[in-house]
């Protein structure tokens, strides 16, 4: 939660700097806020993926999930 708030604050600051420096309009930089929201959603999903994989019954699917998680961490 803190990380998301910090990221959003940095993005808003950067957008304001760009707009005030005449490097585009607020709408031109709006995609950064959309990207931050998507990043938060991905982090939220990933947060619950590790416990899910840990408590899965032993199966080929569990091994697949664990292998995919290893790729994400690298």
C-alpha atoms as a PDB file:
ATOM      1  CA  UNK A   1       0.000   0.000   0.000  1.00  0.00           C
ATOM      2  CA  UNK A   2       2.784   2.430   0.867  1.00  0.00           C
ATOM      3  CA  UNK A   3       4.675   1.517  -2.283  1.00  0.00           C
ATOM      4  CA  UNK A   4       1.619   2.211  -4.405  1.00  0.00           C
ATOM      5  CA  UNK A   5       1.066   5.582  -2.728  1.00  0.00           C
ATOM      6  CA  UNK A   6       4.723   6.515  -3.242  1.00  0.00           C
ATOM      7  CA  UNK A   7       4.653   5.458  -6.879  1.00  0.00           C
ATOM      8  CA  UNK A   8       1.469   7.413  -7.540  1.00  0.00           C
ATOM      9  CA  UNK A   9       2.883  10.507  -5.811  1.00  0.00           C
ATOM     10  CA  UNK A  10       6.072  10.326  -7.909  1.00  0.00           C
ATOM     11  CA  UNK A  11       4.084   9.958 -11.105  1.00  0.00           C
ATOM     12  CA  UNK A  12       1.833  12.909 -10.283  1.00  0.00           C
ATOM     13  CA  UNK A  13       4.886  15.017  -9.467  1.00  0.00           C
ATOM     14  CA  UNK A  14       6.553  14.042 -12.730  1.00  0.00           C
ATOM     15  CA  UNK A  15       3.385  14.804 -14.693  1.00  0.00           C
ATOM     16  CA  UNK A  16       3.109  18.241 -13.083  1.00  0.00           C
ATOM     17  CA  UNK A  17       6.767  18.953 -13.897  1.00  0.00           C
ATOM     18  CA  UNK A  18       6.225  18.007 -17.537  1.00  0.00           C
ATOM     19  CA  UNK A  19       3.012  20.013 -17.866  1.00  0.00           C
ATOM     20  CA  UNK A  20       4.499  23.090 -16.196  1.00  0.00           C
ATOM     21  CA  UNK A  21       7.619  22.767 -18.358  1.00  0.00           C
ATOM     22  CA  UNK A  22       5.438  22.895 -21.507  1.00  0.00           C
ATOM     23  CA  UNK A  23       6.300  19.337 -22.511  1.00  0.00           C
ATOM     24  CA  UNK A  24       2.711  18.363 -23.189  1.00  0.00           C
ATOM     25  CA  UNK A  25      -0.683  18.599 -21.551  1.00  0.00           C
ATOM     26  CA  UNK A  26      -2.143  16.679 -18.656  1.00  0.00           C
ATOM     27  CA  UNK A  27      -3.960  14.431 -21.104  1.00  0.00           C
ATOM     28  CA  UNK A  28      -0.678  13.644 -22.895  1.00  0.00           C
ATOM     29  CA  UNK A  29       0.712  12.177 -19.670  1.00  0.00           C
ATOM     30  CA  UNK A  30      -2.485  10.483 -18.482  1.00  0.00           C
ATOM     31  CA  UNK A  31      -1.212   7.091 -19.672  1.00  0.00           C
ATOM     32  CA  UNK A  32       1.261   7.106 -16.773  1.00  0.00           C
ATOM     33  CA  UNK A  33      -1.588   7.051 -14.253  1.00  0.00           C
ATOM     34  CA  UNK A  34      -3.208   4.200 -16.180  1.00  0.00           C
ATOM     35  CA  UNK A  35       0.092   2.310 -16.090  1.00  0.00           C
ATOM     36  CA  UNK A  36       0.389   2.855 -12.328  1.00  0.00           C
ATOM     37  CA  UNK A  37      -3.107   1.466 -11.786  1.00  0.00           C
ATOM     38  CA  UNK A  38      -2.263  -1.588 -13.878  1.00  0.00           C
ATOM     39  CA  UNK A  39       0.985  -2.083 -11.972  1.00  0.00           C
ATOM     40  CA  UNK A  40      -0.905  -1.986  -8.657  1.00  0.00           C
ATOM     41  CA  UNK A  41      -3.373  -4.557  -9.953  1.00  0.00           C
ATOM     42  CA  UNK A  42      -0.550  -6.857 -11.071  1.00  0.00           C
ATOM     43  CA  UNK A  43       1.212  -6.560  -7.718  1.00  0.00           C
ATOM     44  CA  UNK A  44      -2.023  -7.359  -5.920  1.00  0.00           C
ATOM     45  CA  UNK A  45      -2.531 -10.484  -8.028  1.00  0.00           C
ATOM     46  CA  UNK A  46       1.056 -11.611  -7.601  1.00  0.00           C
ATOM     47  CA  UNK A  47       0.785 -11.126  -3.849  1.00  0.00           C
ATOM     48  CA  UNK A  48      -1.761 -13.957  -3.635  1.00  0.00           C
ATOM     49  CA  UNK A  49      -0.109 -16.201  -6.207  1.00  0.00           C
ATOM     50  CA  UNK A  50       2.691 -17.392  -3.923  1.00  0.00           C
ATOM     51  CA  UNK A  51       0.427 -18.716  -1.136  1.00  0.00           C
ATOM     52  CA  UNK A  52      -1.857 -20.268  -3.749  1.00  0.00           C
ATOM     53  CA  UNK A  53       1.052 -22.182  -5.269  1.00  0.00           C
ATOM     54  CA  UNK A  54       2.339 -23.237  -1.852  1.00  0.00           C
ATOM     55  CA  UNK A  55      -0.941 -24.812  -0.733  1.00  0.00           C
ATOM     56  CA  UNK A  56      -1.829 -26.517  -4.018  1.00  0.00           C
ATOM     57  CA  UNK A  57      -2.054 -30.293  -3.982  1.00  0.00           C
ATOM     58  CA  UNK A  58       1.000 -31.953  -5.572  1.00  0.00           C
ATOM     59  CA  UNK A  59       0.266 -32.240  -9.284  1.00  0.00           C
ATOM     60  CA  UNK A  60       1.717 -31.312 -12.656  1.00  0.00           C
ATOM     61  CA  UNK A  61      -0.232 -28.057 -12.487  1.00  0.00           C
ATOM     62  CA  UNK A  62       1.499 -27.121  -9.211  1.00  0.00           C
ATOM     63  CA  UNK A  63       4.881 -27.697 -10.819  1.00  0.00           C
ATOM     64  CA  UNK A  64       3.868 -25.530 -13.763  1.00  0.00           C
ATOM     65  CA  UNK A  65       2.782 -22.687 -11.478  1.00  0.00           C
ATOM     66  CA  UNK A  66       6.012 -22.936  -9.488  1.00  0.00           C
ATOM     67  CA  UNK A  67       8.104 -22.857 -12.655  1.00  0.00           C
ATOM     68  CA  UNK A  68       6.258 -19.772 -13.890  1.00  0.00           C
ATOM     69  CA  UNK A  69       6.779 -18.048 -10.542  1.00  0.00           C
ATOM     70  CA  UNK A  70      10.515 -18.780 -10.780  1.00  0.00           C
ATOM     71  CA  UNK A  71      10.565 -17.025 -14.166  1.00  0.00           C
ATOM     72  CA  UNK A  72       8.859 -13.968 -12.698  1.00  0.00           C
ATOM     73  CA  UNK A  73      11.349 -13.656  -9.846  1.00  0.00           C
ATOM     74  CA  UNK A  74      14.379 -13.734 -12.120  1.00  0.00           C
END
